[in-house]
Amino acid sequence: LKLFAQAVSLGDVDSLACHPASTTHSFVSPEARAAAGVGEGMIRLSVGIEHPDDLIADLDQALASLAA
């Protein structure tokens, strides 16, 4: 991701991405995380005020890089 900042604090005007399993829920047991639906592959996005087309393009390129 290039436009999404990696951050724990959501609720800003900038778009943010957070990996809960290693940040906000890192203190929770794997069993409790699974029961809450917080998987290792989960990424939480908070969309800011950037242009939607730019955000979609950023997500597209990030996902494409995973498939490569």
PDB file of N, CA and C in Angstrom:
ATOM      1  N   LEU A   1       0.834  -1.183   0.000  1.00  0.00           N
ATOM      2  CA  LEU A   1       0.000   0.000   0.000  1.00  0.00           C
ATOM      3  C   LEU A   1       0.875   1.241   0.000  1.00  0.00           C
ATOM      4  N   LYS A   2       0.459   2.216  -0.795  1.00  0.00           N
ATOM      5  CA  LYS A   2       1.225   3.454  -0.881  1.00  0.00           C
ATOM      6  C   LYS A   2       0.455   4.645  -0.312  1.00  0.00           C
ATOM      7  N   LEU A   3      -0.864   4.635  -0.455  1.00  0.00           N
ATOM      8  CA  LEU A   3      -1.668   5.739   0.072  1.00  0.00           C
ATOM      9  C   LEU A   3      -2.149   5.476   1.490  1.00  0.00           C
ATOM     10  N   PHE A   4      -2.372   4.213   1.827  1.00  0.00           N
ATOM     11  CA  PHE A   4      -2.842   3.856   3.163  1.00  0.00           C
ATOM     12  C   PHE A   4      -1.657   3.799   4.117  1.00  0.00           C
ATOM     13  N   ALA A   5      -1.697   4.591   5.168  1.00  0.00           N
ATOM     14  CA  ALA A   5      -0.657   4.513   6.198  1.00  0.00           C
ATOM     15  C   ALA A   5      -0.935   3.290   7.057  1.00  0.00           C
ATOM     16  N   GLN A   6       0.127   2.648   7.528  1.00  0.00           N
ATOM     17  CA  GLN A   6      -0.045   1.523   8.442  1.00  0.00           C
ATOM     18  C   GLN A   6      -0.084   2.088   9.856  1.00  0.00           C
ATOM     19  N   ALA A   7      -1.243   1.951  10.499  1.00  0.00           N
ATOM     20  CA  ALA A   7      -1.424   2.572  11.808  1.00  0.00           C
ATOM     21  C   ALA A   7      -2.432   1.799  12.633  1.00  0.00           C
ATOM     22  N   VAL A   8      -2.352   1.967  13.926  1.00  0.00           N
ATOM     23  CA  VAL A   8      -3.297   1.342  14.846  1.00  0.00           C
ATOM     24  C   VAL A   8      -4.476   2.268  15.105  1.00  0.00           C
ATOM     25  N   SER A   9      -4.223   3.562  15.165  1.00  0.00           N
ATOM     26  CA  SER A   9      -5.254   4.538  15.493  1.00  0.00           C
ATOM     27  C   SER A   9      -6.083   4.843  14.254  1.00  0.00           C
ATOM     28  N   LEU A  10      -7.332   4.436  14.272  1.00  0.00           N
ATOM     29  CA  LEU A  10      -8.230   4.702  13.155  1.00  0.00           C
ATOM     30  C   LEU A  10      -9.072   5.926  13.483  1.00  0.00           C
ATOM     31  N   GLY A  11      -9.558   6.602  12.462  1.00  0.00           N
ATOM     32  CA  GLY A  11     -10.422   7.751  12.681  1.00  0.00           C
ATOM     33  C   GLY A  11      -9.742   9.058  12.348  1.00  0.00           C
ATOM     34  N   ASP A  12      -8.966   9.079  11.287  1.00  0.00           N
ATOM     35  CA  ASP A  12      -8.249  10.270  10.849  1.00  0.00           C
ATOM     36  C   ASP A  12      -8.793  10.646   9.475  1.00  0.00           C
ATOM     37  N   VAL A  13      -8.334  11.757   8.918  1.00  0.00           N
ATOM     38  CA  VAL A  13      -8.745  12.125   7.566  1.00  0.00           C
ATOM     39  C   VAL A  13      -7.943  11.358   6.523  1.00  0.00           C
ATOM     40  N   ASP A  14      -6.847  10.743   6.944  1.00  0.00           N
ATOM     41  CA  ASP A  14      -6.029   9.940   6.041  1.00  0.00           C
ATOM     42  C   ASP A  14      -6.488   8.493   6.093  1.00  0.00           C
ATOM     43  N   SER A  15      -6.347   7.795   4.977  1.00  0.00           N
ATOM     44  CA  SER A  15      -6.686   6.378   4.950  1.00  0.00           C
ATOM     45  C   SER A  15      -5.619   5.591   5.689  1.00  0.00           C
ATOM     46  N   LEU A  16      -6.071   4.631   6.487  1.00  0.00           N
ATOM     47  CA  LEU A  16      -5.162   3.851   7.316  1.00  0.00           C
ATOM     48  C   LEU A  16      -5.442   2.364   7.145  1.00  0.00           C
ATOM     49  N   ALA A  17      -4.407   1.554   7.330  1.00  0.00           N
ATOM     50  CA  ALA A  17      -4.541   0.099   7.327  1.00  0.00           C
ATOM     51  C   ALA A  17      -3.947  -0.429   8.621  1.00  0.00           C
ATOM     52  N   CYS A  18      -4.613  -1.419   9.206  1.00  0.00           N
ATOM     53  CA  CYS A  18      -4.182  -1.986  10.478  1.00  0.00           C
ATOM     54  C   CYS A  18      -4.275  -3.505  10.404  1.00  0.00           C
ATOM     55  N   HIS A  19      -3.266  -4.197  10.950  1.00  0.00           N
ATOM     56  CA  HIS A  19      -3.275  -5.657  11.064  1.00  0.00           C
ATOM     57  C   HIS A  19      -3.598  -5.977  12.522  1.00  0.00           C
ATOM     58  N   PRO A  20      -4.877  -6.180  12.853  1.00  0.00           N
ATOM     59  CA  PRO A  20      -5.281  -6.355  14.250  1.00  0.00           C
ATOM     60  C   PRO A  20      -4.575  -7.485  14.987  1.00  0.00           C
ATOM     61  N   ALA A  21      -4.299  -8.600  14.312  1.00  0.00           N
ATOM     62  CA  ALA A  21      -3.694  -9.753  14.994  1.00  0.00           C
ATOM     63  C   ALA A  21      -2.322  -9.424  15.572  1.00  0.00           C
ATOM     64  N   SER A  22      -1.616  -8.477  14.966  1.00  0.00           N
ATOM     65  CA  SER A  22      -0.281  -8.136  15.470  1.00  0.00           C
ATOM     66  C   SER A  22      -0.232  -6.779  16.165  1.00  0.00           C
ATOM     67  N   THR A  23      -1.382  -6.101  16.245  1.00  0.00           N
ATOM     68  CA  THR A  23      -1.394  -4.781  16.894  1.00  0.00           C
ATOM     69  C   THR A  23      -2.454  -4.752  17.992  1.00  0.00           C
ATOM     70  N   THR A  24      -3.651  -4.347  17.650  1.00  0.00           N
ATOM     71  CA  THR A  24      -4.698  -4.130  18.651  1.00  0.00           C
ATOM     72  C   THR A  24      -5.132  -5.393  19.379  1.00  0.00           C
ATOM     73  N   HIS A  25      -4.993  -6.555  18.743  1.00  0.00           N
ATOM     74  CA  HIS A  25      -5.421  -7.817  19.355  1.00  0.00           C
ATOM     75  C   HIS A  25      -4.250  -8.754  19.624  1.00  0.00           C
ATOM     76  N   SER A  26      -3.052  -8.221  19.648  1.00  0.00           N
ATOM     77  CA  SER A  26      -1.871  -9.073  19.839  1.00  0.00           C
ATOM     78  C   SER A  26      -1.831  -9.707  21.228  1.00  0.00           C
ATOM     79  N   PHE A  27      -2.493  -9.103  22.196  1.00  0.00           N
ATOM     80  CA  PHE A  27      -2.505  -9.632  23.569  1.00  0.00           C
ATOM     81  C   PHE A  27      -3.574 -10.709  23.769  1.00  0.00           C
ATOM     82  N   VAL A  28      -4.438 -10.883  22.779  1.00  0.00           N
ATOM     83  CA  VAL A  28      -5.536 -11.840  22.863  1.00  0.00           C
ATOM     84  C   VAL A  28      -5.047 -13.200  22.358  1.00  0.00           C
ATOM     85  N   SER A  29      -5.475 -14.262  22.999  1.00  0.00           N
ATOM     86  CA  SER A  29      -5.046 -15.604  22.586  1.00  0.00           C
ATOM     87  C   SER A  29      -5.528 -15.896  21.164  1.00  0.00           C
ATOM     88  N   PRO A  30      -4.791 -16.730  20.435  1.00  0.00           N
ATOM     89  CA  PRO A  30      -5.219 -17.090  19.076  1.00  0.00           C
ATOM     90  C   PRO A  30      -6.638 -17.668  19.045  1.00  0.00           C
ATOM     91  N   GLU A  31      -7.001 -18.436  20.071  1.00  0.00           N
ATOM     92  CA  GLU A  31      -8.342 -19.018  20.129  1.00  0.00           C
ATOM     93  C   GLU A  31      -9.413 -17.931  20.275  1.00  0.00           C
ATOM     94  N   ALA A  32      -9.147 -16.955  21.134  1.00  0.00           N
ATOM     95  CA  ALA A  32     -10.103 -15.860  21.333  1.00  0.00           C
ATOM     96  C   ALA A  32     -10.190 -14.978  20.089  1.00  0.00           C
ATOM     97  N   ARG A  33      -9.032 -14.755  19.436  1.00  0.00           N
ATOM     98  CA  ARG A  33      -9.061 -13.980  18.185  1.00  0.00           C
ATOM     99  C   ARG A  33      -9.903 -14.704  17.144  1.00  0.00           C
ATOM    100  N   ALA A  34      -9.717 -16.016  17.020  1.00  0.00           N
ATOM    101  CA  ALA A  34     -10.484 -16.792  16.041  1.00  0.00           C
ATOM    102  C   ALA A  34     -11.976 -16.726  16.350  1.00  0.00           C
ATOM    103  N   ALA A  35     -12.325 -16.830  17.618  1.00  0.00           N
ATOM    104  CA  ALA A  35     -13.733 -16.759  18.018  1.00  0.00           C
ATOM    105  C   ALA A  35     -14.336 -15.394  17.703  1.00  0.00           C
ATOM    106  N   ALA A  36     -13.505 -14.356  17.750  1.00  0.00           N
ATOM    107  CA  ALA A  36     -13.970 -12.995  17.460  1.00  0.00           C
ATOM    108  C   ALA A  36     -13.911 -12.667  15.974  1.00  0.00           C
ATOM    109  N   GLY A  37     -13.391 -13.596  15.163  1.00  0.00           N
ATOM    110  CA  GLY A  37     -13.293 -13.359  13.731  1.00  0.00           C
ATOM    111  C   GLY A  37     -12.087 -12.543  13.321  1.00  0.00           C
ATOM    112  N   VAL A  38     -11.104 -12.437  14.209  1.00  0.00           N
ATOM    113  CA  VAL A  38      -9.887 -11.676  13.916  1.00  0.00           C
ATOM    114  C   VAL A  38      -8.810 -12.669  13.491  1.00  0.00           C
ATOM    115  N   GLY A  39      -8.734 -12.924  12.192  1.00  0.00           N
ATOM    116  CA  GLY A  39      -7.780 -13.882  11.660  1.00  0.00           C
ATOM    117  C   GLY A  39      -6.436 -13.246  11.355  1.00  0.00           C
ATOM    118  N   GLU A  40      -5.436 -14.101  11.140  1.00  0.00           N
ATOM    119  CA  GLU A  40      -4.085 -13.620  10.818  1.00  0.00           C
ATOM    120  C   GLU A  40      -4.055 -12.842   9.506  1.00  0.00           C
ATOM    121  N   GLY A  41      -4.959 -13.158   8.594  1.00  0.00           N
ATOM    122  CA  GLY A  41      -4.974 -12.482   7.300  1.00  0.00           C
ATOM    123  C   GLY A  41      -5.854 -11.251   7.244  1.00  0.00           C
ATOM    124  N   MET A  42      -6.451 -10.887   8.361  1.00  0.00           N
ATOM    125  CA  MET A  42      -7.367  -9.747   8.388  1.00  0.00           C
ATOM    126  C   MET A  42      -6.601  -8.426   8.377  1.00  0.00           C
ATOM    127  N   ILE A  43      -7.033  -7.525   7.515  1.00  0.00           N
ATOM    128  CA  ILE A  43      -6.521  -6.155   7.483  1.00  0.00           C
ATOM    129  C   ILE A  43      -7.726  -5.235   7.617  1.00  0.00           C
ATOM    130  N   ARG A  44      -7.663  -4.323   8.575  1.00  0.00           N
ATOM    131  CA  ARG A  44      -8.750  -3.368   8.781  1.00  0.00           C
ATOM    132  C   ARG A  44      -8.388  -2.068   8.077  1.00  0.00           C
ATOM    133  N   LEU A  45      -9.302  -1.583   7.256  1.00  0.00           N
ATOM    134  CA  LEU A  45      -9.088  -0.335   6.533  1.00  0.00           C
ATOM    135  C   LEU A  45     -10.003   0.747   7.083  1.00  0.00           C
ATOM    136  N   SER A  46      -9.446   1.929   7.218  1.00  0.00           N
ATOM    137  CA  SER A  46     -10.216   3.114   7.559  1.00  0.00           C
ATOM    138  C   SER A  46     -10.008   4.087   6.403  1.00  0.00           C
ATOM    139  N   VAL A  47     -11.074   4.368   5.673  1.00  0.00           N
ATOM    140  CA  VAL A  47     -10.965   5.174   4.460  1.00  0.00           C
ATOM    141  C   VAL A  47     -11.072   6.649   4.814  1.00  0.00           C
ATOM    142  N   GLY A  48     -10.106   7.409   4.308  1.00  0.00           N
ATOM    143  CA  GLY A  48     -10.057   8.842   4.564  1.00  0.00           C
ATOM    144  C   GLY A  48     -10.678   9.649   3.446  1.00  0.00           C
ATOM    145  N   ILE A  49     -10.114  10.827   3.225  1.00  0.00           N
ATOM    146  CA  ILE A  49     -10.709  11.760   2.265  1.00  0.00           C
ATOM    147  C   ILE A  49      -9.999  11.776   0.916  1.00  0.00           C
ATOM    148  N   GLU A  50      -9.081  10.845   0.702  1.00  0.00           N
ATOM    149  CA  GLU A  50      -8.426  10.781  -0.595  1.00  0.00           C
ATOM    150  C   GLU A  50      -9.463  10.430  -1.671  1.00  0.00           C
ATOM    151  N   HIS A  51      -9.106  10.690  -2.915  1.00  0.00           N
ATOM    152  CA  HIS A  51     -10.033  10.393  -4.008  1.00  0.00           C
ATOM    153  C   HIS A  51     -10.269   8.881  -4.081  1.00  0.00           C
ATOM    154  N   PRO A  52     -11.531   8.463  -4.190  1.00  0.00           N
ATOM    155  CA  PRO A  52     -11.829   7.024  -4.221  1.00  0.00           C
ATOM    156  C   PRO A  52     -11.073   6.257  -5.303  1.00  0.00           C
ATOM    157  N   ASP A  53     -10.912   6.856  -6.481  1.00  0.00           N
ATOM    158  CA  ASP A  53     -10.188   6.168  -7.556  1.00  0.00           C
ATOM    159  C   ASP A  53      -8.736   5.905  -7.168  1.00  0.00           C
ATOM    160  N   ASP A  54      -8.123   6.843  -6.450  1.00  0.00           N
ATOM    161  CA  ASP A  54      -6.738   6.659  -6.002  1.00  0.00           C
ATOM    162  C   ASP A  54      -6.646   5.526  -4.981  1.00  0.00           C
ATOM    163  N   LEU A  55      -7.604   5.467  -4.079  1.00  0.00           N
ATOM    164  CA  LEU A  55      -7.601   4.413  -3.061  1.00  0.00           C
ATOM    165  C   LEU A  55      -7.822   3.038  -3.687  1.00  0.00           C
ATOM    166  N   ILE A  56      -8.752   2.963  -4.634  1.00  0.00           N
ATOM    167  CA  ILE A  56      -9.007   1.693  -5.317  1.00  0.00           C
ATOM    168  C   ILE A  56      -7.773   1.250  -6.085  1.00  0.00           C
ATOM    169  N   ALA A  57      -7.112   2.175  -6.768  1.00  0.00           N
ATOM    170  CA  ALA A  57      -5.893   1.837  -7.504  1.00  0.00           C
ATOM    171  C   ALA A  57      -4.803   1.355  -6.554  1.00  0.00           C
ATOM    172  N   ASP A  58      -4.692   1.982  -5.399  1.00  0.00           N
ATOM    173  CA  ASP A  58      -3.690   1.574  -4.414  1.00  0.00           C
ATOM    174  C   ASP A  58      -3.972   0.162  -3.911  1.00  0.00           C
ATOM    175  N   LEU A  59      -5.221  -0.120  -3.591  1.00  0.00           N
ATOM    176  CA  LEU A  59      -5.587  -1.466  -3.142  1.00  0.00           C
ATOM    177  C   LEU A  59      -5.371  -2.490  -4.256  1.00  0.00           C
ATOM    178  N   ASP A  60      -5.726  -2.129  -5.487  1.00  0.00           N
ATOM    179  CA  ASP A  60      -5.524  -3.038  -6.622  1.00  0.00           C
ATOM    180  C   ASP A  60      -4.060  -3.401  -6.793  1.00  0.00           C
ATOM    181  N   GLN A  61      -3.173  -2.391  -6.730  1.00  0.00           N
ATOM    182  CA  GLN A  61      -1.753  -2.686  -6.937  1.00  0.00           C
ATOM    183  C   GLN A  61      -1.187  -3.499  -5.784  1.00  0.00           C
ATOM    184  N   ALA A  62      -1.657  -3.251  -4.572  1.00  0.00           N
ATOM    185  CA  ALA A  62      -1.171  -4.015  -3.422  1.00  0.00           C
ATOM    186  C   ALA A  62      -1.607  -5.475  -3.516  1.00  0.00           C
ATOM    187  N   LEU A  63      -2.858  -5.705  -3.889  1.00  0.00           N
ATOM    188  CA  LEU A  63      -3.352  -7.074  -4.025  1.00  0.00           C
ATOM    189  C   LEU A  63      -2.683  -7.786  -5.196  1.00  0.00           C
ATOM    190  N   ALA A  64      -2.436  -7.062  -6.287  1.00  0.00           N
ATOM    191  CA  ALA A  64      -1.762  -7.665  -7.441  1.00  0.00           C
ATOM    192  C   ALA A  64      -0.346  -8.087  -7.081  1.00  0.00           C
ATOM    193  N   SER A  65       0.310  -7.324  -6.217  1.00  0.00           N
ATOM    194  CA  SER A  65       1.683  -7.672  -5.834  1.00  0.00           C
ATOM    195  C   SER A  65       1.713  -8.948  -5.002  1.00  0.00           C
ATOM    196  N   LEU A  66       0.621  -9.261  -4.308  1.00  0.00           N
ATOM    197  CA  LEU A  66       0.546 -10.501  -3.536  1.00  0.00           C
ATOM    198  C   LEU A  66       0.428 -11.714  -4.444  1.00  0.00           C
ATOM    199  N   ALA A  67      -0.233 -11.536  -5.574  1.00  0.00           N
ATOM    200  CA  ALA A  67      -0.449 -12.642  -6.506  1.00  0.00           C
ATOM    201  C   ALA A  67       0.775 -12.909  -7.371  1.00  0.00           C
ATOM    202  N   ALA A  68       1.683 -11.948  -7.420  1.00  0.00           N
ATOM    203  CA  ALA A  68       2.864 -12.088  -8.297  1.00  0.00           C
ATOM    204  C   ALA A  68       3.902 -13.025  -7.716  1.00  0.00           C
TER     205      ALA A  68
END
